[in-house]
PDB file of N, CA and C in Angstrom:
ATOM      1  N   UNK A   1     -15.090 -36.506  -4.252  1.00  0.00           N
ATOM      2  CA  UNK A   1     -14.343 -35.639  -5.065  1.00  0.00           C
ATOM      3  C   UNK A   1     -15.021 -36.233  -6.534  1.00  0.00           C
ATOM      4  N   UNK A   2     -15.033 -37.193  -6.554  1.00  0.00           N
ATOM      5  CA  UNK A   2     -15.804 -37.941  -8.012  1.00  0.00           C
ATOM      6  C   UNK A   2     -17.094 -37.853  -7.919  1.00  0.00           C
ATOM      7  N   UNK A   3     -18.090 -37.737  -7.059  1.00  0.00           N
ATOM      8  CA  UNK A   3     -19.377 -37.214  -6.968  1.00  0.00           C
ATOM      9  C   UNK A   3     -19.499 -35.723  -7.291  1.00  0.00           C
ATOM     10  N   UNK A   4     -18.571 -35.066  -6.322  1.00  0.00           N
ATOM     11  CA  UNK A   4     -18.679 -33.363  -7.144  1.00  0.00           C
ATOM     12  C   UNK A   4     -18.309 -33.263  -8.666  1.00  0.00           C
ATOM     13  N   UNK A   5     -17.410 -33.998  -9.075  1.00  0.00           N
ATOM     14  CA  UNK A   5     -17.206 -33.992 -10.814  1.00  0.00           C
ATOM     15  C   UNK A   5     -18.510 -34.497 -11.497  1.00  0.00           C
ATOM     16  N   UNK A   6     -18.927 -35.744 -11.052  1.00  0.00           N
ATOM     17  CA  UNK A   6     -20.136 -36.266 -11.857  1.00  0.00           C
ATOM     18  C   UNK A   6     -21.235 -35.017 -11.792  1.00  0.00           C
ATOM     19  N   UNK A   7     -21.381 -34.525 -10.452  1.00  0.00           N
ATOM     20  CA  UNK A   7     -22.553 -33.518 -10.655  1.00  0.00           C
ATOM     21  C   UNK A   7     -22.444 -32.345 -11.211  1.00  0.00           C
ATOM     22  N   UNK A   8     -21.219 -31.936 -10.794  1.00  0.00           N
ATOM     23  CA  UNK A   8     -20.858 -30.319 -11.272  1.00  0.00           C
ATOM     24  C   UNK A   8     -19.780 -30.152 -12.546  1.00  0.00           C
ATOM     25  N   UNK A   9     -19.207 -31.673 -12.981  1.00  0.00           N
ATOM     26  CA  UNK A   9     -18.285 -31.443 -14.287  1.00  0.00           C
ATOM     27  C   UNK A   9     -16.997 -30.657 -14.009  1.00  0.00           C
ATOM     28  N   UNK A  10     -16.781 -30.216 -12.497  1.00  0.00           N
ATOM     29  CA  UNK A  10     -15.708 -29.866 -12.233  1.00  0.00           C
ATOM     30  C   UNK A  10     -15.007 -30.117 -10.888  1.00  0.00           C
ATOM     31  N   UNK A  11     -13.608 -29.989 -10.851  1.00  0.00           N
ATOM     32  CA  UNK A  11     -12.973 -30.175  -9.758  1.00  0.00           C
ATOM     33  C   UNK A  11     -11.982 -28.967  -9.289  1.00  0.00           C
ATOM     34  N   UNK A  12     -12.085 -28.739  -7.888  1.00  0.00           N
ATOM     35  CA  UNK A  12     -11.561 -27.559  -7.512  1.00  0.00           C
ATOM     36  C   UNK A  12     -10.225 -28.337  -6.600  1.00  0.00           C
ATOM     37  N   UNK A  13      -8.862 -27.790  -6.807  1.00  0.00           N
ATOM     38  CA  UNK A  13      -7.808 -28.277  -5.785  1.00  0.00           C
ATOM     39  C   UNK A  13      -7.573 -26.957  -5.020  1.00  0.00           C
ATOM     40  N   UNK A  14      -7.643 -27.128  -3.669  1.00  0.00           N
ATOM     41  CA  UNK A  14      -7.056 -26.036  -2.971  1.00  0.00           C
ATOM     42  C   UNK A  14      -5.363 -26.147  -2.938  1.00  0.00           C
ATOM     43  N   UNK A  15      -5.169 -24.829  -3.236  1.00  0.00           N
ATOM     44  CA  UNK A  15      -3.484 -24.657  -3.145  1.00  0.00           C
ATOM     45  C   UNK A  15      -3.214 -23.956  -1.908  1.00  0.00           C
ATOM     46  N   UNK A  16      -2.368 -25.002  -1.312  1.00  0.00           N
ATOM     47  CA  UNK A  16      -1.817 -24.604   0.192  1.00  0.00           C
ATOM     48  C   UNK A  16      -1.008 -23.443   0.182  1.00  0.00           C
ATOM     49  N   UNK A  17      -0.542 -22.934  -0.800  1.00  0.00           N
ATOM     50  CA  UNK A  17       0.754 -21.972  -0.729  1.00  0.00           C
ATOM     51  C   UNK A  17       0.070 -20.260  -0.677  1.00  0.00           C
ATOM     52  N   UNK A  18       0.430 -19.427   0.127  1.00  0.00           N
ATOM     53  CA  UNK A  18      -0.025 -18.361   0.077  1.00  0.00           C
ATOM     54  C   UNK A  18       0.002 -17.495  -1.315  1.00  0.00           C
ATOM     55  N   UNK A  19      -1.300 -16.757  -1.811  1.00  0.00           N
ATOM     56  CA  UNK A  19      -0.705 -15.985  -2.937  1.00  0.00           C
ATOM     57  C   UNK A  19       0.392 -15.113  -3.083  1.00  0.00           C
ATOM     58  N   UNK A  20       0.943 -14.878  -4.040  1.00  0.00           N
ATOM     59  CA  UNK A  20       2.157 -14.205  -3.887  1.00  0.00           C
ATOM     60  C   UNK A  20       1.539 -12.713  -4.518  1.00  0.00           C
ATOM     61  N   UNK A  21       2.187 -11.515  -4.092  1.00  0.00           N
ATOM     62  CA  UNK A  21       1.563 -10.232  -4.852  1.00  0.00           C
ATOM     63  C   UNK A  21       1.882 -10.167  -6.313  1.00  0.00           C
ATOM     64  N   UNK A  22       1.135  -9.569  -7.112  1.00  0.00           N
ATOM     65  CA  UNK A  22       1.552  -9.202  -8.585  1.00  0.00           C
ATOM     66  C   UNK A  22       3.059  -8.419  -8.529  1.00  0.00           C
ATOM     67  N   UNK A  23       3.612  -8.512  -9.503  1.00  0.00           N
ATOM     68  CA  UNK A  23       5.211  -8.255  -9.760  1.00  0.00           C
ATOM     69  C   UNK A  23       5.403  -6.650  -9.296  1.00  0.00           C
ATOM     70  N   UNK A  24       4.324  -5.975 -10.249  1.00  0.00           N
ATOM     71  CA  UNK A  24       4.450  -4.692  -9.830  1.00  0.00           C
ATOM     72  C   UNK A  24       4.306  -3.793  -8.482  1.00  0.00           C
ATOM     73  N   UNK A  25       3.495  -4.701  -7.660  1.00  0.00           N
ATOM     74  CA  UNK A  25       3.614  -4.604  -5.879  1.00  0.00           C
ATOM     75  C   UNK A  25       4.900  -4.391  -5.715  1.00  0.00           C
ATOM     76  N   UNK A  26       5.363  -5.806  -5.630  1.00  0.00           N
ATOM     77  CA  UNK A  26       6.695  -6.095  -5.139  1.00  0.00           C
ATOM     78  C   UNK A  26       7.756  -5.151  -5.436  1.00  0.00           C
ATOM     79  N   UNK A  27       7.968  -4.664  -6.813  1.00  0.00           N
ATOM     80  CA  UNK A  27       8.885  -3.941  -7.003  1.00  0.00           C
ATOM     81  C   UNK A  27       8.999  -2.549  -6.591  1.00  0.00           C
ATOM     82  N   UNK A  28       7.726  -1.957  -5.962  1.00  0.00           N
ATOM     83  CA  UNK A  28       7.756  -0.884  -5.556  1.00  0.00           C
ATOM     84  C   UNK A  28       7.671  -0.754  -3.811  1.00  0.00           C
ATOM     85  N   UNK A  29       7.324  -1.774  -3.442  1.00  0.00           N
ATOM     86  CA  UNK A  29       7.714  -1.820  -1.999  1.00  0.00           C
ATOM     87  C   UNK A  29       9.006  -1.830  -1.182  1.00  0.00           C
ATOM     88  N   UNK A  30       9.189  -0.877  -0.420  1.00  0.00           N
ATOM     89  CA  UNK A  30      10.815  -0.837   0.307  1.00  0.00           C
ATOM     90  C   UNK A  30      10.693  -2.011   1.019  1.00  0.00           C
ATOM     91  N   UNK A  31      11.958  -2.513   1.152  1.00  0.00           N
ATOM     92  CA  UNK A  31      12.211  -4.161   1.983  1.00  0.00           C
ATOM     93  C   UNK A  31      12.228  -3.581   3.598  1.00  0.00           C
ATOM     94  N   UNK A  32      11.929  -4.560   4.234  1.00  0.00           N
ATOM     95  CA  UNK A  32      12.121  -4.252   5.752  1.00  0.00           C
ATOM     96  C   UNK A  32      13.250  -3.958   6.270  1.00  0.00           C
ATOM     97  N   UNK A  33      13.660  -3.087   6.968  1.00  0.00           N
ATOM     98  CA  UNK A  33      15.331  -3.067   7.760  1.00  0.00           C
ATOM     99  C   UNK A  33      15.437  -3.882   8.500  1.00  0.00           C
ATOM    100  N   UNK A  34      16.453  -4.260   8.784  1.00  0.00           N
ATOM    101  CA  UNK A  34      16.951  -5.353   9.818  1.00  0.00           C
ATOM    102  C   UNK A  34      16.306  -4.711  11.182  1.00  0.00           C
ATOM    103  N   UNK A  35      15.653  -5.817  12.103  1.00  0.00           N
ATOM    104  CA  UNK A  35      15.445  -5.008  13.536  1.00  0.00           C
ATOM    105  C   UNK A  35      14.399  -3.921  13.397  1.00  0.00           C
ATOM    106  N   UNK A  36      14.040  -3.871  12.537  1.00  0.00           N
ATOM    107  CA  UNK A  36      12.660  -2.849  12.381  1.00  0.00           C
ATOM    108  C   UNK A  36      11.066  -3.240  12.678  1.00  0.00           C
ATOM    109  N   UNK A  37      10.429  -2.652  13.526  1.00  0.00           N
ATOM    110  CA  UNK A  37       9.168  -2.797  13.973  1.00  0.00           C
ATOM    111  C   UNK A  37       8.196  -2.750  12.759  1.00  0.00           C
ATOM    112  N   UNK A  38       7.108  -3.283  13.089  1.00  0.00           N
ATOM    113  CA  UNK A  38       6.068  -3.022  12.093  1.00  0.00           C
ATOM    114  C   UNK A  38       5.681  -1.658  12.059  1.00  0.00           C
ATOM    115  N   UNK A  39       5.559  -0.927  13.173  1.00  0.00           N
ATOM    116  CA  UNK A  39       5.283   0.309  13.152  1.00  0.00           C
ATOM    117  C   UNK A  39       6.341   1.300  12.655  1.00  0.00           C
ATOM    118  N   UNK A  40       7.613   1.154  12.766  1.00  0.00           N
ATOM    119  CA  UNK A  40       8.632   1.926  12.024  1.00  0.00           C
ATOM    120  C   UNK A  40       8.585   1.480  10.393  1.00  0.00           C
ATOM    121  N   UNK A  41       8.213   0.263   9.972  1.00  0.00           N
ATOM    122  CA  UNK A  41       8.073   0.133   8.494  1.00  0.00           C
ATOM    123  C   UNK A  41       6.882   0.661   8.058  1.00  0.00           C
ATOM    124  N   UNK A  42       5.749   0.791   8.856  1.00  0.00           N
ATOM    125  CA  UNK A  42       4.569   1.565   8.700  1.00  0.00           C
ATOM    126  C   UNK A  42       4.935   2.707   8.082  1.00  0.00           C
ATOM    127  N   UNK A  43       5.423   3.718   8.992  1.00  0.00           N
ATOM    128  CA  UNK A  43       5.768   4.898   9.041  1.00  0.00           C
ATOM    129  C   UNK A  43       6.634   4.867   7.760  1.00  0.00           C
ATOM    130  N   UNK A  44       7.739   4.407   7.711  1.00  0.00           N
ATOM    131  CA  UNK A  44       8.638   4.700   6.430  1.00  0.00           C
ATOM    132  C   UNK A  44       7.863   4.754   5.252  1.00  0.00           C
ATOM    133  N   UNK A  45       6.862   3.357   5.233  1.00  0.00           N
ATOM    134  CA  UNK A  45       6.387   3.560   3.951  1.00  0.00           C
ATOM    135  C   UNK A  45       5.305   4.564   3.416  1.00  0.00           C
ATOM    136  N   UNK A  46       4.674   4.998   4.926  1.00  0.00           N
ATOM    137  CA  UNK A  46       3.387   6.018   4.760  1.00  0.00           C
ATOM    138  C   UNK A  46       4.170   6.895   4.109  1.00  0.00           C
ATOM    139  N   UNK A  47       5.469   7.683   4.724  1.00  0.00           N
ATOM    140  CA  UNK A  47       6.370   9.062   4.238  1.00  0.00           C
ATOM    141  C   UNK A  47       6.690   8.636   2.553  1.00  0.00           C
ATOM    142  N   UNK A  48       7.063   7.658   2.401  1.00  0.00           N
ATOM    143  CA  UNK A  48       7.427   7.613   0.917  1.00  0.00           C
ATOM    144  C   UNK A  48       5.989   7.774   0.247  1.00  0.00           C
ATOM    145  N   UNK A  49       5.132   6.973   0.479  1.00  0.00           N
ATOM    146  CA  UNK A  49       3.907   6.895   0.053  1.00  0.00           C
ATOM    147  C   UNK A  49       3.652   8.689  -0.495  1.00  0.00           C
ATOM    148  N   UNK A  50       3.289   9.258   0.652  1.00  0.00           N
ATOM    149  CA  UNK A  50       3.001  10.655   0.886  1.00  0.00           C
ATOM    150  C   UNK A  50       3.596  11.453  -0.272  1.00  0.00           C
ATOM    151  N   UNK A  51       5.249  11.298  -0.386  1.00  0.00           N
ATOM    152  CA  UNK A  51       6.000  11.962  -1.120  1.00  0.00           C
ATOM    153  C   UNK A  51       5.515  11.452  -2.490  1.00  0.00           C
ATOM    154  N   UNK A  52       5.428  10.717  -2.866  1.00  0.00           N
ATOM    155  CA  UNK A  52       5.188   9.994  -4.480  1.00  0.00           C
ATOM    156  C   UNK A  52       3.725  10.858  -4.471  1.00  0.00           C
ATOM    157  N   UNK A  53       3.034  10.727  -3.791  1.00  0.00           N
ATOM    158  CA  UNK A  53       1.496  11.545  -4.039  1.00  0.00           C
ATOM    159  C   UNK A  53       1.612  12.880  -4.024  1.00  0.00           C
ATOM    160  N   UNK A  54       2.468  13.500  -3.478  1.00  0.00           N
ATOM    161  CA  UNK A  54       2.503  14.960  -3.553  1.00  0.00           C
ATOM    162  C   UNK A  54       3.520  15.322  -4.777  1.00  0.00           C
ATOM    163  N   UNK A  55       4.436  14.675  -5.128  1.00  0.00           N
ATOM    164  CA  UNK A  55       5.035  14.693  -6.422  1.00  0.00           C
ATOM    165  C   UNK A  55       4.120  14.606  -7.449  1.00  0.00           C
ATOM    166  N   UNK A  56       3.339  13.740  -7.669  1.00  0.00           N
ATOM    167  CA  UNK A  56       2.187  13.091  -8.552  1.00  0.00           C
ATOM    168  C   UNK A  56       1.199  14.488  -8.853  1.00  0.00           C
ATOM    169  N   UNK A  57       0.843  15.222  -7.775  1.00  0.00           N
ATOM    170  CA  UNK A  57       0.044  16.249  -7.778  1.00  0.00           C
ATOM    171  C   UNK A  57       0.562  17.703  -7.595  1.00  0.00           C
ATOM    172  N   UNK A  58       2.080  17.668  -7.906  1.00  0.00           N
ATOM    173  CA  UNK A  58       2.948  18.691  -8.204  1.00  0.00           C
ATOM    174  C   UNK A  58       2.885  19.780  -6.942  1.00  0.00           C
ATOM    175  N   UNK A  59       2.647  19.111  -5.459  1.00  0.00           N
ATOM    176  CA  UNK A  59       2.883  19.655  -4.513  1.00  0.00           C
ATOM    177  C   UNK A  59       1.622  20.219  -4.037  1.00  0.00           C
ATOM    178  N   UNK A  60       0.466  19.975  -4.772  1.00  0.00           N
ATOM    179  CA  UNK A  60      -1.025  20.579  -4.350  1.00  0.00           C
ATOM    180  C   UNK A  60      -1.512  19.581  -3.263  1.00  0.00           C
ATOM    181  N   UNK A  61      -1.700  20.072  -2.139  1.00  0.00           N
ATOM    182  CA  UNK A  61      -1.973  19.254  -0.971  1.00  0.00           C
ATOM    183  C   UNK A  61      -3.501  18.873  -0.952  1.00  0.00           C
ATOM    184  N   UNK A  62      -4.297  19.844  -1.329  1.00  0.00           N
ATOM    185  CA  UNK A  62      -5.646  19.716  -1.884  1.00  0.00           C
ATOM    186  C   UNK A  62      -5.994  18.354  -2.513  1.00  0.00           C
ATOM    187  N   UNK A  63      -5.355  18.328  -3.701  1.00  0.00           N
ATOM    188  CA  UNK A  63      -5.577  17.362  -4.854  1.00  0.00           C
ATOM    189  C   UNK A  63      -5.005  16.137  -4.282  1.00  0.00           C
ATOM    190  N   UNK A  64      -3.808  16.157  -3.276  1.00  0.00           N
ATOM    191  CA  UNK A  64      -3.003  14.810  -2.978  1.00  0.00           C
ATOM    192  C   UNK A  64      -4.312  14.225  -2.176  1.00  0.00           C
ATOM    193  N   UNK A  65      -4.854  15.063  -1.274  1.00  0.00           N
ATOM    194  CA  UNK A  65      -5.685  14.459  -0.210  1.00  0.00           C
ATOM    195  C   UNK A  65      -6.790  13.693  -0.665  1.00  0.00           C
ATOM    196  N   UNK A  66      -7.471  14.585  -1.957  1.00  0.00           N
ATOM    197  CA  UNK A  66      -8.541  13.927  -2.439  1.00  0.00           C
ATOM    198  C   UNK A  66      -8.186  12.569  -2.984  1.00  0.00           C
ATOM    199  N   UNK A  67      -7.151  12.454  -3.619  1.00  0.00           N
ATOM    200  CA  UNK A  67      -6.537  11.410  -4.513  1.00  0.00           C
ATOM    201  C   UNK A  67      -6.456  10.406  -3.397  1.00  0.00           C
ATOM    202  N   UNK A  68      -6.186  10.690  -2.572  1.00  0.00           N
ATOM    203  CA  UNK A  68      -5.622   9.605  -1.239  1.00  0.00           C
ATOM    204  C   UNK A  68      -7.177   9.135  -0.570  1.00  0.00           C
ATOM    205  N   UNK A  69      -8.388   9.996  -0.767  1.00  0.00           N
ATOM    206  CA  UNK A  69      -9.327   9.682   0.115  1.00  0.00           C
ATOM    207  C   UNK A  69      -9.237  10.217   1.232  1.00  0.00           C
ATOM    208  N   UNK A  70      -8.456  11.002   1.877  1.00  0.00           N
ATOM    209  CA  UNK A  70      -8.450  11.602   3.066  1.00  0.00           C
ATOM    210  C   UNK A  70      -8.930  12.835   3.020  1.00  0.00           C
ATOM    211  N   UNK A  71      -9.319  13.623   4.259  1.00  0.00           N
ATOM    212  CA  UNK A  71      -9.373  15.169   4.584  1.00  0.00           C
ATOM    213  C   UNK A  71      -7.993  15.690   4.144  1.00  0.00           C
ATOM    214  N   UNK A  72      -8.084  17.088   4.020  1.00  0.00           N
ATOM    215  CA  UNK A  72      -6.950  17.862   4.062  1.00  0.00           C
ATOM    216  C   UNK A  72      -6.545  18.002   5.235  1.00  0.00           C
ATOM    217  N   UNK A  73      -6.877  18.060   6.201  1.00  0.00           N
ATOM    218  CA  UNK A  73      -6.423  18.326   7.666  1.00  0.00           C
ATOM    219  C   UNK A  73      -5.772  16.953   8.205  1.00  0.00           C
ATOM    220  N   UNK A  74      -6.510  15.569   7.732  1.00  0.00           N
ATOM    221  CA  UNK A  74      -5.691  14.649   8.089  1.00  0.00           C
ATOM    222  C   UNK A  74      -4.425  14.515   6.938  1.00  0.00           C
ATOM    223  N   UNK A  75      -4.224  14.797   6.153  1.00  0.00           N
ATOM    224  CA  UNK A  75      -2.877  14.815   5.225  1.00  0.00           C
ATOM    225  C   UNK A  75      -2.173  15.852   6.091  1.00  0.00           C
ATOM    226  N   UNK A  76      -2.345  17.048   6.445  1.00  0.00           N
ATOM    227  CA  UNK A  76      -1.605  17.925   6.996  1.00  0.00           C
ATOM    228  C   UNK A  76      -0.773  17.565   8.277  1.00  0.00           C
ATOM    229  N   UNK A  77      -1.919  16.627   8.949  1.00  0.00           N
ATOM    230  CA  UNK A  77      -1.239  15.864  10.648  1.00  0.00           C
ATOM    231  C   UNK A  77      -0.335  15.016  10.097  1.00  0.00           C
ATOM    232  N   UNK A  78      -0.617  14.000   8.948  1.00  0.00           N
ATOM    233  CA  UNK A  78       0.346  13.123   8.512  1.00  0.00           C
ATOM    234  C   UNK A  78       1.735  13.783   7.948  1.00  0.00           C
ATOM    235  N   UNK A  79       1.585  14.679   7.415  1.00  0.00           N
ATOM    236  CA  UNK A  79       2.876  15.623   6.928  1.00  0.00           C
ATOM    237  C   UNK A  79       3.726  15.794   8.156  1.00  0.00           C
ATOM    238  N   UNK A  80       2.979  16.341   9.276  1.00  0.00           N
ATOM    239  CA  UNK A  80       3.691  16.947  10.026  1.00  0.00           C
ATOM    240  C   UNK A  80       4.157  15.787  10.916  1.00  0.00           C
ATOM    241  N   UNK A  81       3.305  14.984  11.316  1.00  0.00           N
ATOM    242  CA  UNK A  81       4.137  13.918  11.786  1.00  0.00           C
ATOM    243  C   UNK A  81       5.444  13.582  10.972  1.00  0.00           C
ATOM    244  N   UNK A  82       5.308  13.342   9.841  1.00  0.00           N
ATOM    245  CA  UNK A  82       6.430  12.837   9.250  1.00  0.00           C
ATOM    246  C   UNK A  82       7.622  13.869   8.606  1.00  0.00           C
ATOM    247  N   UNK A  83       7.514  14.911   9.244  1.00  0.00           N
ATOM    248  CA  UNK A  83       8.397  16.206   9.152  1.00  0.00           C
ATOM    249  C   UNK A  83       8.405  16.860   7.482  1.00  0.00           C
ATOM    250  N   UNK A  84       7.420  16.449   6.770  1.00  0.00           N
ATOM    251  CA  UNK A  84       7.393  17.209   5.703  1.00  0.00           C
ATOM    252  C   UNK A  84       6.600  18.137   5.812  1.00  0.00           C
ATOM    253  N   UNK A  85       7.562  19.425   5.591  1.00  0.00           N
ATOM    254  CA  UNK A  85       6.883  20.780   5.695  1.00  0.00           C
ATOM    255  C   UNK A  85       6.842  21.464   4.026  1.00  0.00           C
ATOM    256  N   UNK A  86       7.552  21.071   3.310  1.00  0.00           N
ATOM    257  CA  UNK A  86       7.736  21.885   1.915  1.00  0.00           C
ATOM    258  C   UNK A  86       7.320  20.785   1.036  1.00  0.00           C
ATOM    259  N   UNK A  87       6.747  21.174   0.025  1.00  0.00           N
ATOM    260  CA  UNK A  87       6.396  20.570  -1.240  1.00  0.00           C
ATOM    261  C   UNK A  87       7.542  20.059  -2.271  1.00  0.00           C
ATOM    262  N   UNK A  88       7.406  18.710  -2.529  1.00  0.00           N
ATOM    263  CA  UNK A  88       8.795  18.174  -2.961  1.00  0.00           C
ATOM    264  C   UNK A  88       8.990  18.974  -4.454  1.00  0.00           C
TER     265      UNK A  88
END
């Protein structure tokens, strides 16, 4: 480490703690329910995410799909899977 400092004029310390997500991300993530599987949590998150995206685009599914980077048919399948039939 001393040799590295003398050569590069810098020392890097490795932090063993995992990085924490930014505060804005943790505030909007729903907390996992007790005894919920990853698949169930993912479905719940995806459903909420789709609702928010639809609200942002005032129910316009074409614009929603485009903003999510997916095709319209993919969005329609996801909405059907989550039982979302009407615009919010």
